[in-house]
Amino acid sequence: MFNLSDMMGKFQEMQSRLKEVRDGLDNILVEAEAGGGMVRVKANANRQILKIEIDPDIIDKDDPEIMADLITAAVNKALEKAEAEGREALESATKGMMPHIPGLDLGKLGFNQ
């Protein structure tokens, strides 16, 4: 039988868990690199870039495009990893609390902002 009180309680518990996860996303760190490690990027699961390290050997004033391409690639890889880690943390926090709803994206509901 449908029990609205139980459902509201589960929803409040889920909101509490999601808030805890969101508050901890800054502590989930990822790293990515490009150019065989010549550019390294560190980010967190809030999709914030924390650090970019560039090997001085790739700095070429006559061809800045190479460095720009490597930085772009490393940043994109780091952000992809950060988003995946954040999504995994959110899904783990709500596992078993909600029925499986195909296509449900908690991020679109504002849970990873």
C-alpha atoms as a PDB file:
ATOM      1  CA  MET A   1       0.000   0.000   0.000  1.00  0.00           C
ATOM      2  CA  PHE A   2       1.216   3.498  -0.809  1.00  0.00           C
ATOM      3  CA  ASN A   3       2.369   5.413   2.256  1.00  0.00           C
ATOM      4  CA  LEU A   4       2.991   9.106   1.623  1.00  0.00           C
ATOM      5  CA  SER A   5       4.637   9.579   5.019  1.00  0.00           C
ATOM      6  CA  ASP A   6       7.212   6.850   4.306  1.00  0.00           C
ATOM      7  CA  MET A   7       7.875   8.278   0.866  1.00  0.00           C
ATOM      8  CA  MET A   8       8.428  11.788   2.265  1.00  0.00           C
ATOM      9  CA  GLY A   9      10.765  10.379   4.909  1.00  0.00           C
ATOM     10  CA  LYS A  10      12.813   8.580   2.262  1.00  0.00           C
ATOM     11  CA  PHE A  11      12.918  11.719   0.149  1.00  0.00           C
ATOM     12  CA  GLN A  12      14.193  13.779   3.101  1.00  0.00           C
ATOM     13  CA  GLU A  13      16.812  11.123   3.867  1.00  0.00           C
ATOM     14  CA  MET A  14      17.887  11.130   0.227  1.00  0.00           C
ATOM     15  CA  GLN A  15      18.141  14.942   0.243  1.00  0.00           C
ATOM     16  CA  SER A  16      20.304  14.761   3.360  1.00  0.00           C
ATOM     17  CA  ARG A  17      22.614  12.156   1.807  1.00  0.00           C
ATOM     18  CA  LEU A  18      22.891  14.142  -1.417  1.00  0.00           C
ATOM     19  CA  LYS A  19      23.798  17.288   0.510  1.00  0.00           C
ATOM     20  CA  GLU A  20      26.549  15.369   2.319  1.00  0.00           C
ATOM     21  CA  VAL A  21      27.889  14.123  -1.008  1.00  0.00           C
ATOM     22  CA  ARG A  22      27.710  17.584  -2.600  1.00  0.00           C
ATOM     23  CA  ASP A  23      29.570  19.033   0.376  1.00  0.00           C
ATOM     24  CA  GLY A  24      32.288  16.413  -0.118  1.00  0.00           C
ATOM     25  CA  LEU A  25      32.770  16.820  -3.871  1.00  0.00           C
ATOM     26  CA  ASP A  26      35.643  19.253  -3.268  1.00  0.00           C
ATOM     27  CA  ASN A  27      37.542  16.388  -1.645  1.00  0.00           C
ATOM     28  CA  ILE A  28      37.169  13.972  -4.570  1.00  0.00           C
ATOM     29  CA  LEU A  29      40.266  14.667  -6.646  1.00  0.00           C
ATOM     30  CA  VAL A  30      41.137  13.506 -10.140  1.00  0.00           C
ATOM     31  CA  GLU A  31      44.172  13.964 -12.337  1.00  0.00           C
ATOM     32  CA  ALA A  32      44.611  13.812 -16.088  1.00  0.00           C
ATOM     33  CA  GLU A  33      47.462  14.385 -18.481  1.00  0.00           C
ATOM     34  CA  ALA A  34      48.187  14.980 -22.131  1.00  0.00           C
ATOM     35  CA  GLY A  35      51.285  14.801 -24.267  1.00  0.00           C
ATOM     36  CA  GLY A  36      52.715  11.882 -22.346  1.00  0.00           C
ATOM     37  CA  GLY A  37      52.565  13.805 -19.071  1.00  0.00           C
ATOM     38  CA  MET A  38      53.887  17.083 -20.424  1.00  0.00           C
ATOM     39  CA  VAL A  39      50.670  18.757 -19.227  1.00  0.00           C
ATOM     40  CA  ARG A  40      49.020  17.563 -16.013  1.00  0.00           C
ATOM     41  CA  VAL A  41      45.751  18.832 -14.582  1.00  0.00           C
ATOM     42  CA  LYS A  42      44.234  18.273 -11.152  1.00  0.00           C
ATOM     43  CA  ALA A  43      40.507  18.880 -10.612  1.00  0.00           C
ATOM     44  CA  ASN A  44      37.826  18.044  -8.067  1.00  0.00           C
ATOM     45  CA  ALA A  45      34.400  16.478  -8.489  1.00  0.00           C
ATOM     46  CA  ASN A  46      32.845  19.950  -8.398  1.00  0.00           C
ATOM     47  CA  ARG A  47      34.514  20.315 -11.800  1.00  0.00           C
ATOM     48  CA  GLN A  48      36.941  22.942 -10.559  1.00  0.00           C
ATOM     49  CA  ILE A  49      40.458  23.010 -11.984  1.00  0.00           C
ATOM     50  CA  LEU A  50      42.849  23.098  -9.029  1.00  0.00           C
ATOM     51  CA  LYS A  51      46.230  22.937 -10.692  1.00  0.00           C
ATOM     52  CA  ILE A  52      47.843  22.830 -14.120  1.00  0.00           C
ATOM     53  CA  GLU A  53      51.456  21.725 -14.468  1.00  0.00           C
ATOM     54  CA  ILE A  54      53.284  22.328 -17.747  1.00  0.00           C
ATOM     55  CA  ASP A  55      56.635  20.822 -18.648  1.00  0.00           C
ATOM     56  CA  PRO A  56      58.843  23.746 -19.728  1.00  0.00           C
ATOM     57  CA  ASP A  57      60.065  21.696 -22.699  1.00  0.00           C
ATOM     58  CA  ILE A  58      56.744  22.195 -24.517  1.00  0.00           C
ATOM     59  CA  ILE A  59      56.890  25.976 -24.322  1.00  0.00           C
ATOM     60  CA  ASP A  60      57.658  27.122 -27.834  1.00  0.00           C
ATOM     61  CA  LYS A  61      57.040  30.790 -28.559  1.00  0.00           C
ATOM     62  CA  ASP A  62      57.010  30.009 -32.281  1.00  0.00           C
ATOM     63  CA  ASP A  63      54.245  27.404 -31.947  1.00  0.00           C
ATOM     64  CA  PRO A  64      51.970  28.203 -28.987  1.00  0.00           C
ATOM     65  CA  GLU A  65      49.198  26.095 -30.532  1.00  0.00           C
ATOM     66  CA  ILE A  66      50.851  22.861 -29.416  1.00  0.00           C
ATOM     67  CA  MET A  67      50.838  23.938 -25.784  1.00  0.00           C
ATOM     68  CA  ALA A  68      47.263  25.236 -26.053  1.00  0.00           C
ATOM     69  CA  ASP A  69      46.094  21.935 -27.564  1.00  0.00           C
ATOM     70  CA  LEU A  70      47.766  19.891 -24.817  1.00  0.00           C
ATOM     71  CA  ILE A  71      46.310  22.096 -22.074  1.00  0.00           C
ATOM     72  CA  THR A  72      42.849  21.852 -23.614  1.00  0.00           C
ATOM     73  CA  ALA A  73      43.097  18.060 -23.900  1.00  0.00           C
ATOM     74  CA  ALA A  74      44.299  17.620 -20.315  1.00  0.00           C
ATOM     75  CA  VAL A  75      41.632  19.950 -18.900  1.00  0.00           C
ATOM     76  CA  ASN A  76      38.863  18.178 -20.830  1.00  0.00           C
ATOM     77  CA  LYS A  77      40.070  14.762 -19.616  1.00  0.00           C
ATOM     78  CA  ALA A  78      40.208  16.004 -16.017  1.00  0.00           C
ATOM     79  CA  LEU A  79      36.708  17.484 -16.203  1.00  0.00           C
ATOM     80  CA  GLU A  80      35.316  14.257 -17.701  1.00  0.00           C
ATOM     81  CA  LYS A  81      36.876  12.247 -14.872  1.00  0.00           C
ATOM     82  CA  ALA A  82      35.629  14.747 -12.280  1.00  0.00           C
ATOM     83  CA  GLU A  83      32.078  14.579 -13.595  1.00  0.00           C
ATOM     84  CA  ALA A  84      32.141  10.770 -13.623  1.00  0.00           C
ATOM     85  CA  GLU A  85      33.460  10.615 -10.047  1.00  0.00           C
ATOM     86  CA  GLY A  86      30.838  13.100  -8.859  1.00  0.00           C
ATOM     87  CA  ARG A  87      28.034  11.213 -10.601  1.00  0.00           C
ATOM     88  CA  GLU A  88      29.253   7.938  -9.089  1.00  0.00           C
ATOM     89  CA  ALA A  89      29.291   9.474  -5.599  1.00  0.00           C
ATOM     90  CA  LEU A  90      25.738  10.795  -6.034  1.00  0.00           C
ATOM     91  CA  GLU A  91      24.458   7.485  -7.392  1.00  0.00           C
ATOM     92  CA  SER A  92      26.120   5.592  -4.561  1.00  0.00           C
ATOM     93  CA  ALA A  93      24.498   7.875  -1.979  1.00  0.00           C
ATOM     94  CA  THR A  94      21.014   7.238  -3.360  1.00  0.00           C
ATOM     95  CA  LYS A  95      21.404   3.546  -4.193  1.00  0.00           C
ATOM     96  CA  GLY A  96      18.411   1.619  -2.936  1.00  0.00           C
ATOM     97  CA  MET A  97      16.515   4.767  -2.005  1.00  0.00           C
ATOM     98  CA  MET A  98      14.851   5.360  -5.349  1.00  0.00           C
ATOM     99  CA  PRO A  99      13.432   3.002  -7.908  1.00  0.00           C
ATOM    100  CA  HIS A 100      15.471   2.740 -11.080  1.00  0.00           C
ATOM    101  CA  ILE A 101      14.164   5.359 -13.471  1.00  0.00           C
ATOM    102  CA  PRO A 102      15.832   5.085 -16.879  1.00  0.00           C
ATOM    103  CA  GLY A 103      17.290   8.394 -17.989  1.00  0.00           C
ATOM    104  CA  LEU A 104      17.005  10.049 -14.561  1.00  0.00           C
ATOM    105  CA  ASP A 105      19.910  12.449 -14.226  1.00  0.00           C
ATOM    106  CA  LEU A 106      20.279  13.807 -10.691  1.00  0.00           C
ATOM    107  CA  GLY A 107      22.553  16.517 -12.043  1.00  0.00           C
ATOM    108  CA  LYS A 108      19.670  17.961 -14.026  1.00  0.00           C
ATOM    109  CA  LEU A 109      17.712  18.177 -10.796  1.00  0.00           C
ATOM    110  CA  GLY A 110      20.412  20.378  -9.304  1.00  0.00           C
ATOM    111  CA  PHE A 111      21.960  17.743  -7.063  1.00  0.00           C
ATOM    112  CA  ASN A 112      25.510  18.280  -8.339  1.00  0.00           C
ATOM    113  CA  GLN A 113      25.571  22.046  -8.399  1.00  0.00           C
END
